[in-house]
N, C-alpha and C. Protein backbone atom coordinates (compact mmCIF):
# COMPACT_ATOMS: atom_id res chain seq x y z
N MET A 1 -3.20 19.92 25.15
CA MET A 1 -2.64 19.10 24.11
C MET A 1 -1.56 19.93 23.45
N ARG A 2 -0.37 19.43 23.31
CA ARG A 2 0.58 19.95 22.43
C ARG A 2 1.05 19.13 21.43
N ILE A 3 1.07 19.52 20.26
CA ILE A 3 1.49 18.84 19.09
C ILE A 3 2.86 19.12 18.50
N LEU A 4 3.79 18.26 18.38
CA LEU A 4 5.05 18.74 18.02
C LEU A 4 5.52 17.67 16.62
N ARG A 5 6.15 18.25 15.75
CA ARG A 5 6.71 17.28 14.67
C ARG A 5 7.89 16.38 15.16
N ALA A 6 7.70 15.17 14.93
CA ALA A 6 8.98 14.31 15.24
C ALA A 6 9.48 13.80 13.94
N GLY A 7 10.51 14.53 13.22
CA GLY A 7 11.07 14.27 12.10
C GLY A 7 10.10 14.51 10.97
N ASP A 8 10.26 14.01 9.76
CA ASP A 8 9.52 14.22 8.64
C ASP A 8 8.20 13.36 8.36
N ALA A 9 8.01 12.29 9.42
CA ALA A 9 6.82 11.52 9.20
C ALA A 9 6.22 11.06 10.39
N ALA A 10 6.01 12.02 11.26
CA ALA A 10 5.59 11.52 12.65
C ALA A 10 5.19 12.94 13.49
N LEU A 11 4.34 12.78 14.27
CA LEU A 11 3.69 13.79 15.26
C LEU A 11 3.82 13.32 16.71
N LEU A 12 4.46 14.01 17.68
CA LEU A 12 4.46 13.60 19.01
C LEU A 12 3.55 14.61 19.67
N VAL A 13 2.37 13.93 20.34
CA VAL A 13 1.34 14.77 21.13
C VAL A 13 1.61 14.53 22.49
N GLU A 14 1.81 15.66 22.97
CA GLU A 14 1.99 15.78 24.59
C GLU A 14 0.38 15.78 25.06
N THR A 15 0.04 15.05 26.05
CA THR A 15 -1.17 15.07 26.62
C THR A 15 -1.31 15.37 28.07
N GLY A 16 -2.36 15.62 28.83
CA GLY A 16 -2.44 16.04 30.08
C GLY A 16 -2.09 14.88 31.05
N GLY A 17 -2.13 13.76 30.77
CA GLY A 17 -1.71 12.61 31.48
C GLY A 17 -2.17 11.30 30.84
N LEU A 18 -2.10 10.13 31.62
CA LEU A 18 -2.29 8.77 31.31
C LEU A 18 -3.64 8.53 30.43
N THR A 19 -4.82 9.24 31.28
CA THR A 19 -6.20 8.91 30.57
C THR A 19 -6.18 9.69 29.22
N ASP A 20 -5.66 10.84 29.14
CA ASP A 20 -5.78 11.50 27.98
C ASP A 20 -5.05 10.77 26.72
N ALA A 21 -3.79 10.12 27.10
CA ALA A 21 -2.98 9.58 26.08
C ALA A 21 -3.82 8.28 25.64
N HIS A 22 -4.39 7.54 26.59
CA HIS A 22 -5.30 6.41 26.09
C HIS A 22 -6.45 6.89 25.37
N ARG A 23 -7.04 7.85 25.61
CA ARG A 23 -8.27 8.37 24.93
C ARG A 23 -7.82 8.76 23.52
N LEU A 24 -6.87 9.44 23.18
CA LEU A 24 -6.31 9.81 21.96
C LEU A 24 -5.83 8.68 21.26
N ASP A 25 -5.10 7.97 21.86
CA ASP A 25 -4.67 6.47 21.15
C ASP A 25 -5.92 5.83 20.55
N ALA A 26 -7.04 5.59 21.31
CA ALA A 26 -8.14 4.93 20.95
C ALA A 26 -8.85 5.60 19.68
N ALA A 27 -8.89 6.94 19.78
CA ALA A 27 -9.63 7.84 18.94
C ALA A 27 -8.84 7.60 17.56
N ILE A 28 -7.48 7.70 17.53
CA ILE A 28 -6.82 7.76 16.38
C ILE A 28 -7.03 6.38 15.71
N ARG A 29 -6.84 5.30 16.47
CA ARG A 29 -7.15 3.99 15.81
C ARG A 29 -8.58 3.61 15.25
N ALA A 30 -9.57 4.30 15.85
CA ALA A 30 -10.96 4.04 15.40
C ALA A 30 -11.16 5.00 14.27
N ALA A 31 -10.59 6.04 14.02
CA ALA A 31 -10.74 7.16 13.19
C ALA A 31 -10.18 6.53 11.68
N ARG A 32 -9.27 5.67 11.80
CA ARG A 32 -8.44 5.18 10.61
C ARG A 32 -7.95 6.38 9.64
N LEU A 33 -7.18 7.18 10.10
CA LEU A 33 -6.87 8.36 9.42
C LEU A 33 -6.01 8.13 8.22
N PRO A 34 -6.27 8.54 7.19
CA PRO A 34 -5.48 8.34 5.97
C PRO A 34 -3.95 8.79 6.20
N GLY A 35 -3.08 7.90 5.86
CA GLY A 35 -1.61 8.20 6.06
C GLY A 35 -0.97 7.82 7.35
N VAL A 36 -1.95 7.51 8.25
CA VAL A 36 -1.31 7.03 9.52
C VAL A 36 -0.95 5.43 9.62
N VAL A 37 0.35 5.19 9.97
CA VAL A 37 0.75 3.74 9.79
C VAL A 37 1.00 3.17 11.16
N ASP A 38 1.05 3.82 12.18
CA ASP A 38 1.24 3.55 13.53
C ASP A 38 0.94 4.43 14.50
N VAL A 39 0.48 4.02 15.60
CA VAL A 39 0.25 4.90 17.00
C VAL A 39 0.87 4.20 18.12
N VAL A 40 1.75 4.91 18.77
CA VAL A 40 2.59 4.65 20.00
C VAL A 40 2.30 5.23 21.18
N PRO A 41 1.37 4.91 22.01
CA PRO A 41 1.06 5.67 23.31
C PRO A 41 2.12 5.42 24.38
N GLY A 42 2.46 6.37 25.22
CA GLY A 42 3.21 6.41 26.35
C GLY A 42 2.31 6.86 27.50
N GLU A 43 2.95 7.16 28.52
CA GLU A 43 2.17 7.67 29.80
C GLU A 43 1.64 9.03 29.65
N ARG A 44 2.32 9.81 28.79
CA ARG A 44 1.85 11.29 28.77
C ARG A 44 1.90 11.65 27.46
N THR A 45 2.16 10.96 26.29
CA THR A 45 2.46 11.10 24.94
C THR A 45 1.77 10.19 24.04
N VAL A 46 1.45 10.63 22.84
CA VAL A 46 1.07 9.52 21.72
C VAL A 46 1.98 10.02 20.67
N LEU A 47 2.83 8.99 20.04
CA LEU A 47 3.42 9.36 18.85
C LEU A 47 2.66 8.63 17.68
N VAL A 48 2.43 9.50 16.63
CA VAL A 48 1.60 9.27 15.33
C VAL A 48 2.65 9.14 14.17
N VAL A 49 2.74 7.82 13.70
CA VAL A 49 3.67 7.64 12.63
C VAL A 49 2.98 7.65 11.36
N THR A 50 3.34 8.41 10.38
CA THR A 50 2.79 8.58 9.13
C THR A 50 3.63 8.07 8.01
N GLU A 51 2.80 8.00 6.78
CA GLU A 51 3.60 7.75 5.46
C GLU A 51 4.38 8.98 5.25
N PRO A 52 5.41 8.89 4.41
CA PRO A 52 6.31 10.06 4.14
C PRO A 52 5.55 11.16 3.34
N SER A 53 4.43 10.70 2.68
CA SER A 53 3.86 11.70 1.88
C SER A 53 2.68 12.30 2.65
N ALA A 54 2.49 11.88 3.89
CA ALA A 54 1.30 12.47 4.65
C ALA A 54 1.44 14.13 4.90
N ASP A 55 0.27 14.79 5.05
CA ASP A 55 0.34 16.23 5.36
C ASP A 55 0.21 16.34 6.92
N LEU A 56 1.41 16.50 7.49
CA LEU A 56 1.43 16.72 8.92
C LEU A 56 0.54 17.70 9.42
N ASP A 57 0.59 18.91 8.80
CA ASP A 57 -0.20 20.09 9.32
C ASP A 57 -1.76 19.71 9.38
N ARG A 58 -2.32 19.21 8.24
CA ARG A 58 -3.58 18.81 8.12
C ARG A 58 -3.95 17.79 9.28
N LEU A 59 -2.99 16.72 9.47
CA LEU A 59 -3.21 15.70 10.52
C LEU A 59 -3.10 16.36 11.98
N ALA A 60 -2.45 17.34 12.19
CA ALA A 60 -2.18 17.79 13.41
C ALA A 60 -3.60 18.64 13.75
N ALA A 61 -4.20 19.34 12.76
CA ALA A 61 -5.38 20.16 12.96
C ALA A 61 -6.60 19.13 13.45
N ARG A 62 -6.56 17.76 12.89
CA ARG A 62 -7.76 16.97 13.08
C ARG A 62 -7.60 16.26 14.48
N LEU A 63 -6.38 16.10 15.05
CA LEU A 63 -6.29 15.07 16.20
C LEU A 63 -7.01 15.89 17.50
N PRO A 64 -7.08 16.96 17.64
CA PRO A 64 -7.74 17.43 19.10
C PRO A 64 -9.32 17.25 18.97
N ASP A 65 -9.87 17.14 17.79
CA ASP A 65 -11.30 17.07 17.72
C ASP A 65 -11.78 15.49 17.65
N LEU A 66 -10.98 14.64 17.58
CA LEU A 66 -11.40 13.13 17.31
C LEU A 66 -12.12 12.78 18.53
N PRO A 67 -13.20 12.09 18.32
CA PRO A 67 -14.10 11.52 19.42
C PRO A 67 -13.55 10.25 19.84
N PRO A 68 -13.59 9.84 21.14
CA PRO A 68 -13.21 8.38 21.36
C PRO A 68 -14.11 7.54 21.10
N PRO A 69 -13.94 6.13 20.57
CA PRO A 69 -14.90 5.26 20.52
C PRO A 69 -15.55 4.72 21.54
N PRO A 70 -16.77 4.37 21.30
CA PRO A 70 -17.63 3.85 22.55
C PRO A 70 -16.91 2.50 23.01
N GLY A 71 -17.20 2.36 24.31
CA GLY A 71 -16.61 1.17 24.98
C GLY A 71 -15.19 1.40 25.58
N THR A 72 -14.72 2.71 25.54
CA THR A 72 -13.54 2.98 26.03
C THR A 72 -13.49 3.99 27.19
N GLY A 73 -12.47 3.91 27.87
CA GLY A 73 -12.34 4.91 29.05
C GLY A 73 -12.85 4.15 30.26
N PRO A 74 -12.93 4.87 31.26
CA PRO A 74 -12.98 4.32 32.68
C PRO A 74 -14.32 3.66 32.98
N ASP A 75 -15.24 3.70 32.04
CA ASP A 75 -16.43 2.99 32.23
C ASP A 75 -16.54 1.59 31.39
N ALA A 76 -15.50 1.26 30.73
CA ALA A 76 -15.46 0.21 29.96
C ALA A 76 -15.37 -0.99 30.77
N GLU A 77 -16.00 -2.14 30.37
CA GLU A 77 -15.81 -3.26 31.03
C GLU A 77 -14.43 -3.93 31.11
N PRO A 78 -13.84 -4.36 32.42
CA PRO A 78 -12.67 -4.94 32.48
C PRO A 78 -12.47 -6.20 32.05
N VAL A 79 -11.19 -6.30 31.49
CA VAL A 79 -10.72 -7.94 31.04
C VAL A 79 -10.36 -8.56 32.30
N GLU A 80 -11.11 -9.74 32.50
CA GLU A 80 -11.06 -10.58 33.73
C GLU A 80 -9.90 -11.61 33.51
N ILE A 81 -8.97 -11.72 34.30
CA ILE A 81 -7.66 -12.57 34.24
C ILE A 81 -7.95 -13.57 35.53
N PRO A 82 -8.18 -14.79 35.41
CA PRO A 82 -8.15 -15.64 36.36
C PRO A 82 -6.83 -16.06 36.84
N VAL A 83 -6.67 -16.14 37.97
CA VAL A 83 -5.24 -16.40 38.78
C VAL A 83 -5.21 -17.60 39.73
N VAL A 84 -4.37 -18.45 39.58
CA VAL A 84 -4.20 -19.40 40.66
C VAL A 84 -3.02 -18.80 41.49
N TYR A 85 -3.21 -18.35 42.71
CA TYR A 85 -2.26 -17.74 43.33
C TYR A 85 -1.26 -18.64 44.29
N ASP A 86 -0.38 -19.16 43.48
CA ASP A 86 0.60 -19.97 43.96
C ASP A 86 2.00 -19.83 43.63
N GLY A 87 2.33 -18.42 43.32
CA GLY A 87 3.53 -17.97 42.97
C GLY A 87 4.65 -18.12 43.74
N GLU A 88 5.92 -18.36 43.18
CA GLU A 88 7.15 -18.53 43.87
C GLU A 88 7.55 -17.53 44.99
N ASP A 89 7.02 -16.26 44.58
CA ASP A 89 7.42 -15.21 45.51
C ASP A 89 6.35 -14.71 46.44
N LEU A 90 5.23 -15.60 46.49
CA LEU A 90 4.14 -14.99 47.26
C LEU A 90 4.42 -14.88 48.79
N GLY A 91 5.20 -15.90 49.31
CA GLY A 91 5.60 -15.72 50.78
C GLY A 91 6.71 -14.68 51.01
N GLU A 92 7.40 -14.39 50.01
CA GLU A 92 8.34 -13.41 50.14
C GLU A 92 7.83 -11.96 50.05
N VAL A 93 6.79 -11.82 49.23
CA VAL A 93 6.03 -10.65 49.10
C VAL A 93 5.45 -10.50 50.51
N ALA A 94 4.71 -11.46 50.97
CA ALA A 94 3.96 -11.31 52.40
C ALA A 94 5.01 -10.79 53.40
N ALA A 95 6.16 -11.34 53.54
CA ALA A 95 7.32 -11.00 54.50
C ALA A 95 7.69 -9.55 54.19
N LEU A 96 7.80 -9.17 52.87
CA LEU A 96 8.25 -7.79 52.82
C LEU A 96 7.35 -6.78 53.17
N THR A 97 6.08 -7.21 53.00
CA THR A 97 4.91 -6.09 53.18
C THR A 97 4.50 -6.18 54.54
N GLY A 98 4.80 -7.34 55.37
CA GLY A 98 4.12 -7.39 56.61
C GLY A 98 2.92 -7.95 56.42
N LEU A 99 2.40 -8.41 55.44
CA LEU A 99 1.02 -8.74 55.33
C LEU A 99 1.05 -10.40 55.13
N GLY A 100 -0.08 -11.06 55.52
CA GLY A 100 -0.20 -12.49 55.38
C GLY A 100 -0.42 -12.88 53.94
N ARG A 101 -0.17 -14.05 53.45
CA ARG A 101 -0.22 -14.44 52.15
C ARG A 101 -1.57 -14.14 51.67
N GLU A 102 -2.67 -14.49 52.50
CA GLU A 102 -4.11 -14.33 52.00
C GLU A 102 -4.49 -12.79 51.77
N GLU A 103 -3.85 -12.02 52.79
CA GLU A 103 -3.95 -10.54 52.63
C GLU A 103 -3.52 -10.00 51.33
N VAL A 104 -2.20 -10.55 50.90
CA VAL A 104 -1.56 -10.19 49.72
C VAL A 104 -2.53 -10.58 48.50
N VAL A 105 -2.98 -11.67 48.52
CA VAL A 105 -3.94 -12.13 47.44
C VAL A 105 -5.24 -11.16 47.28
N ARG A 106 -5.62 -11.00 48.70
CA ARG A 106 -6.98 -10.10 48.78
C ARG A 106 -6.64 -8.77 48.01
N ARG A 107 -5.75 -8.15 48.50
CA ARG A 107 -5.26 -6.89 48.13
C ARG A 107 -4.98 -6.66 46.49
N HIS A 108 -4.40 -7.75 46.06
CA HIS A 108 -4.01 -7.85 44.65
C HIS A 108 -5.22 -7.84 43.60
N CYS A 109 -6.20 -8.70 44.07
CA CYS A 109 -7.33 -9.08 43.26
C CYS A 109 -8.53 -8.21 43.43
N SER A 110 -8.24 -7.37 44.54
CA SER A 110 -9.53 -6.52 44.81
C SER A 110 -9.24 -5.05 44.11
N ALA A 111 -8.01 -4.80 43.65
CA ALA A 111 -7.75 -3.50 42.97
C ALA A 111 -8.17 -3.60 41.57
N SER A 112 -8.40 -2.35 40.98
CA SER A 112 -8.91 -2.05 39.55
C SER A 112 -7.55 -1.51 38.82
N TYR A 113 -7.32 -2.21 37.71
CA TYR A 113 -6.00 -1.96 37.17
C TYR A 113 -6.38 -1.28 35.72
N THR A 114 -5.36 -0.71 35.21
CA THR A 114 -5.52 -0.03 33.84
C THR A 114 -4.20 -0.12 33.38
N VAL A 115 -4.07 -0.70 31.96
CA VAL A 115 -2.91 -0.76 31.24
C VAL A 115 -2.26 0.49 30.79
N ALA A 116 -1.07 0.86 31.50
CA ALA A 116 -0.51 2.13 31.17
C ALA A 116 0.14 2.17 29.84
N TYR A 117 0.86 1.23 29.56
CA TYR A 117 1.51 0.99 28.26
C TYR A 117 2.02 -0.38 28.22
N LEU A 118 2.36 -0.72 26.77
CA LEU A 118 2.95 -2.07 26.51
C LEU A 118 4.46 -1.93 26.42
N GLY A 119 5.23 -2.85 26.80
CA GLY A 119 6.82 -2.82 26.51
C GLY A 119 7.42 -4.05 27.17
N PHE A 120 8.55 -4.17 26.91
CA PHE A 120 9.45 -5.25 27.40
C PHE A 120 9.49 -6.32 26.50
N SER A 121 8.16 -6.93 26.18
CA SER A 121 7.97 -8.00 25.22
C SER A 121 6.47 -7.79 24.77
N PRO A 122 6.25 -8.25 23.38
CA PRO A 122 4.95 -8.20 22.84
C PRO A 122 3.89 -8.61 23.80
N GLY A 123 2.90 -7.70 24.05
CA GLY A 123 1.73 -7.95 24.85
C GLY A 123 1.90 -7.88 26.32
N PHE A 124 3.23 -7.38 26.71
CA PHE A 124 3.51 -7.26 28.14
C PHE A 124 2.91 -5.79 28.52
N GLY A 125 1.78 -5.77 29.30
CA GLY A 125 1.22 -4.67 29.69
C GLY A 125 1.62 -4.13 31.23
N TYR A 126 2.01 -2.86 31.33
CA TYR A 126 2.44 -2.29 32.75
C TYR A 126 0.98 -1.87 33.34
N LEU A 127 0.62 -2.38 34.40
CA LEU A 127 -0.68 -2.00 34.87
C LEU A 127 -0.62 -1.29 36.09
N THR A 128 -1.26 -0.20 35.85
CA THR A 128 -1.17 0.72 37.12
C THR A 128 -2.56 0.55 38.04
N GLY A 129 -2.66 0.87 39.23
CA GLY A 129 -3.60 0.57 40.30
C GLY A 129 -3.28 -0.44 41.33
N LEU A 130 -2.14 -0.78 41.34
CA LEU A 130 -1.58 -1.71 42.26
C LEU A 130 -1.75 -1.09 43.75
N ASP A 131 -2.43 -1.84 44.75
CA ASP A 131 -2.27 -1.24 46.12
C ASP A 131 -0.98 -0.92 46.64
N PRO A 132 -0.84 0.34 47.06
CA PRO A 132 0.44 0.82 47.64
C PRO A 132 1.15 -0.13 48.49
N ALA A 133 0.29 -0.89 49.53
CA ALA A 133 0.94 -1.78 50.40
C ALA A 133 1.70 -2.84 49.68
N LEU A 134 1.34 -3.03 48.36
CA LEU A 134 1.99 -4.26 47.80
C LEU A 134 3.21 -3.95 46.86
N ARG A 135 3.63 -2.65 47.06
CA ARG A 135 4.84 -2.06 46.13
C ARG A 135 6.10 -2.63 46.78
N VAL A 136 6.56 -3.50 46.07
CA VAL A 136 7.78 -4.11 46.55
C VAL A 136 8.98 -4.04 45.32
N PRO A 137 10.15 -3.98 45.60
CA PRO A 137 11.31 -3.93 44.54
C PRO A 137 11.26 -5.22 43.80
N ARG A 138 11.91 -4.97 42.63
CA ARG A 138 12.26 -6.21 41.87
C ARG A 138 13.29 -7.16 42.59
N ARG A 139 13.36 -8.41 42.23
CA ARG A 139 14.21 -9.38 42.76
C ARG A 139 15.64 -8.86 42.55
N ALA A 140 16.53 -9.10 43.38
CA ALA A 140 17.92 -8.60 43.30
C ALA A 140 18.69 -9.28 42.15
N SER A 141 18.12 -10.66 41.85
CA SER A 141 18.70 -11.37 40.93
C SER A 141 17.66 -12.02 39.89
N PRO A 142 17.32 -11.37 38.78
CA PRO A 142 16.24 -11.91 37.89
C PRO A 142 16.49 -13.35 37.51
N ARG A 143 15.24 -13.97 37.39
CA ARG A 143 15.26 -15.31 36.70
C ARG A 143 15.57 -15.48 35.32
N THR A 144 16.35 -16.44 34.91
CA THR A 144 16.50 -16.52 33.56
C THR A 144 15.33 -16.92 32.58
N ALA A 145 14.38 -17.53 33.43
CA ALA A 145 13.25 -17.95 32.57
C ALA A 145 11.95 -17.91 33.45
N VAL A 146 11.06 -17.03 32.93
CA VAL A 146 9.66 -17.00 33.55
C VAL A 146 8.57 -17.45 32.86
N PRO A 147 7.79 -18.52 33.27
CA PRO A 147 6.75 -19.02 32.37
C PRO A 147 5.77 -18.07 31.90
N ALA A 148 5.19 -18.27 30.68
CA ALA A 148 4.26 -17.53 30.17
C ALA A 148 2.84 -17.63 31.16
N GLY A 149 2.27 -16.50 31.35
CA GLY A 149 1.01 -16.57 32.26
C GLY A 149 1.37 -16.31 33.65
N SER A 150 2.56 -16.00 33.96
CA SER A 150 2.91 -15.68 35.26
C SER A 150 2.55 -14.27 35.71
N VAL A 151 1.86 -14.20 36.82
CA VAL A 151 1.27 -12.78 37.38
C VAL A 151 2.22 -12.41 38.33
N ALA A 152 2.48 -11.03 38.14
CA ALA A 152 3.72 -10.48 38.95
C ALA A 152 3.62 -9.16 39.25
N ILE A 153 4.34 -8.66 40.16
CA ILE A 153 4.25 -7.03 40.58
C ILE A 153 5.66 -6.85 40.77
N ALA A 154 5.97 -5.31 40.52
CA ALA A 154 7.36 -4.77 40.83
C ALA A 154 7.07 -3.37 40.95
N GLY A 155 7.50 -2.63 42.06
CA GLY A 155 7.42 -1.23 42.19
C GLY A 155 5.81 -0.93 42.11
N PRO A 156 5.53 0.13 41.36
CA PRO A 156 3.99 0.47 41.40
C PRO A 156 3.17 -0.36 40.42
N TYR A 157 3.83 -1.34 39.56
CA TYR A 157 3.03 -1.99 38.47
C TYR A 157 2.84 -3.40 38.96
N ALA A 158 1.60 -3.93 38.14
CA ALA A 158 1.41 -5.39 38.11
C ALA A 158 1.24 -5.76 36.50
N ALA A 159 1.63 -6.92 36.33
CA ALA A 159 1.73 -7.42 34.92
C ALA A 159 1.52 -8.98 34.97
N VAL A 160 1.27 -9.40 33.62
CA VAL A 160 1.36 -10.83 33.37
C VAL A 160 2.21 -11.18 32.22
N TYR A 161 3.23 -12.12 32.42
CA TYR A 161 4.11 -12.49 31.36
C TYR A 161 3.48 -13.07 30.11
N PRO A 162 3.46 -12.49 28.96
CA PRO A 162 2.67 -12.99 27.78
C PRO A 162 3.37 -14.15 27.23
N SER A 163 4.53 -14.33 27.43
CA SER A 163 5.47 -15.44 26.79
C SER A 163 6.66 -15.80 27.77
N PRO A 164 7.05 -16.73 27.52
CA PRO A 164 8.37 -17.31 28.47
C PRO A 164 9.58 -16.06 28.14
N SER A 165 10.03 -15.69 29.26
CA SER A 165 11.13 -14.65 29.16
C SER A 165 11.96 -14.47 30.42
N PRO A 166 13.15 -13.94 30.35
CA PRO A 166 13.71 -13.66 31.67
C PRO A 166 12.90 -12.48 32.38
N GLY A 167 13.12 -12.51 33.74
CA GLY A 167 12.42 -11.35 34.63
C GLY A 167 12.63 -11.38 35.94
N GLY A 168 12.68 -10.30 36.45
CA GLY A 168 12.80 -9.98 37.76
C GLY A 168 11.70 -9.57 38.71
N TRP A 169 10.52 -9.59 38.06
CA TRP A 169 9.31 -9.31 38.83
C TRP A 169 9.02 -10.37 39.93
N ARG A 170 8.28 -10.09 40.93
CA ARG A 170 7.82 -10.94 42.05
C ARG A 170 6.58 -11.73 41.51
N LEU A 171 6.82 -12.98 41.57
CA LEU A 171 5.55 -13.82 40.98
C LEU A 171 4.62 -14.18 42.10
N LEU A 172 3.43 -13.79 41.95
CA LEU A 172 2.32 -14.19 42.92
C LEU A 172 1.46 -15.30 42.37
N GLY A 173 1.45 -15.56 41.17
CA GLY A 173 0.45 -16.71 40.68
C GLY A 173 0.85 -16.85 39.18
N ARG A 174 -0.40 -17.57 38.64
CA ARG A 174 -0.28 -17.92 37.18
C ARG A 174 -1.67 -17.85 36.46
N SER A 175 -1.67 -17.62 35.29
CA SER A 175 -3.11 -17.64 34.65
C SER A 175 -2.94 -18.40 33.48
N GLU A 176 -3.87 -18.81 32.81
CA GLU A 176 -4.10 -19.79 31.59
C GLU A 176 -4.55 -18.84 30.44
N ARG A 177 -4.78 -17.50 30.83
CA ARG A 177 -5.40 -16.52 29.91
C ARG A 177 -4.26 -16.44 28.83
N VAL A 178 -4.54 -16.36 27.68
CA VAL A 178 -3.58 -16.02 26.55
C VAL A 178 -3.42 -14.62 26.19
N LEU A 179 -2.20 -13.89 26.67
CA LEU A 179 -2.25 -12.45 26.51
C LEU A 179 -1.72 -12.05 24.95
N TRP A 180 -0.91 -13.05 24.42
CA TRP A 180 -0.32 -12.83 23.03
C TRP A 180 -0.51 -14.02 22.12
N ASP A 181 -1.26 -13.78 21.09
CA ASP A 181 -1.54 -14.69 19.99
C ASP A 181 -1.48 -14.09 18.58
N VAL A 182 -0.49 -14.60 17.80
CA VAL A 182 -0.40 -13.86 16.57
C VAL A 182 -1.42 -14.21 15.47
N THR A 183 -2.22 -15.22 15.87
CA THR A 183 -3.20 -15.48 15.02
C THR A 183 -4.66 -14.66 15.30
N ARG A 184 -4.47 -13.90 16.19
CA ARG A 184 -5.68 -13.04 16.84
C ARG A 184 -5.50 -11.56 16.23
N ASP A 185 -6.47 -10.93 16.05
CA ASP A 185 -6.68 -9.63 15.61
C ASP A 185 -7.34 -8.77 16.56
N PRO A 186 -6.55 -7.93 17.35
CA PRO A 186 -5.29 -7.73 17.26
C PRO A 186 -4.47 -8.75 18.20
N PRO A 187 -3.23 -9.07 17.96
CA PRO A 187 -2.51 -10.18 18.87
C PRO A 187 -2.49 -10.04 20.31
N SER A 188 -2.31 -8.83 20.57
CA SER A 188 -2.46 -8.62 22.25
C SER A 188 -3.98 -8.41 22.83
N LEU A 189 -3.90 -9.30 23.96
CA LEU A 189 -5.12 -9.18 24.50
C LEU A 189 -5.51 -7.73 25.12
N LEU A 190 -4.22 -7.30 25.71
CA LEU A 190 -4.16 -5.67 26.30
C LEU A 190 -3.80 -4.67 25.39
N ARG A 191 -4.47 -3.53 25.66
CA ARG A 191 -4.09 -2.39 24.86
C ARG A 191 -3.89 -1.07 26.08
N PRO A 192 -3.13 -0.28 25.69
CA PRO A 192 -3.19 0.97 26.65
C PRO A 192 -4.56 1.38 26.86
N GLY A 193 -4.89 1.46 27.99
CA GLY A 193 -6.31 1.97 28.52
C GLY A 193 -7.29 1.03 28.92
N THR A 194 -6.90 -0.36 28.57
CA THR A 194 -7.61 -1.53 28.79
C THR A 194 -7.70 -1.63 30.33
N ARG A 195 -9.09 -1.68 30.86
CA ARG A 195 -9.11 -2.05 32.24
C ARG A 195 -8.93 -3.64 32.70
N VAL A 196 -8.29 -3.93 33.62
CA VAL A 196 -8.00 -5.41 34.15
C VAL A 196 -8.54 -5.59 35.56
N ARG A 197 -9.20 -6.75 35.62
CA ARG A 197 -9.42 -7.35 36.97
C ARG A 197 -8.84 -8.65 37.01
N PHE A 198 -8.26 -9.05 38.21
CA PHE A 198 -7.73 -10.26 38.58
C PHE A 198 -8.70 -11.04 39.35
N VAL A 199 -9.08 -12.28 38.98
CA VAL A 199 -10.03 -13.16 39.62
C VAL A 199 -9.32 -14.36 40.28
N PRO A 200 -9.42 -14.53 41.52
CA PRO A 200 -8.74 -15.73 42.09
C PRO A 200 -9.36 -17.01 41.75
N GLU A 201 -8.84 -18.08 41.39
CA GLU A 201 -9.08 -19.40 40.85
C GLU A 201 -8.46 -20.35 41.52
N ALA A 202 -9.14 -21.49 41.90
CA ALA A 202 -8.61 -22.72 42.73
C ALA A 202 -7.75 -23.51 41.76
N ALA A 203 -6.65 -23.98 42.26
CA ALA A 203 -5.75 -24.79 41.37
C ALA A 203 -6.48 -26.06 40.95
N PRO A 204 -6.15 -26.30 39.72
CA PRO A 204 -6.65 -27.59 38.96
C PRO A 204 -6.34 -28.91 39.81
């Protein structure tokens, strides 16, 4: 772990990798350290934003020894997301990968995913763990509107669109699970480090 100052009111922590960044993010949030106003995890870093009056040296000394809270890490129960696999791009993904539609579905829902980080839009989690056989490029021409709940893949990632937005990911299906709700605490169903499992569901 390497801890650097990031201006007058933040620390940038360089970790050994994605799992370490997730563990530190969860530990800082659970500790509720005085003066810390935000924690922004990345794939290999965690940005700790503080109040202007915070003692950054004292904070830096505490970070390496923070214990992760229970219920986090690789043994945590996954969030299950039911999916109706009737996406507009399912057939195209099958053609691009050389797999049948049923095999695409089987491989997608049999993988174990982890939220690497959130980005693009509130609650949009970039999920690692996608079967390498399903790694396909984004669409050449993005859609101007993708419905909320759309389950998609692009490159090495899987995702669920938390709200209607433009997007160029390949759509495999849809889910009724609400990923972003401003009345919920926290609003996002997913957090960096959250494990996710997709469960096939019959169309209503």
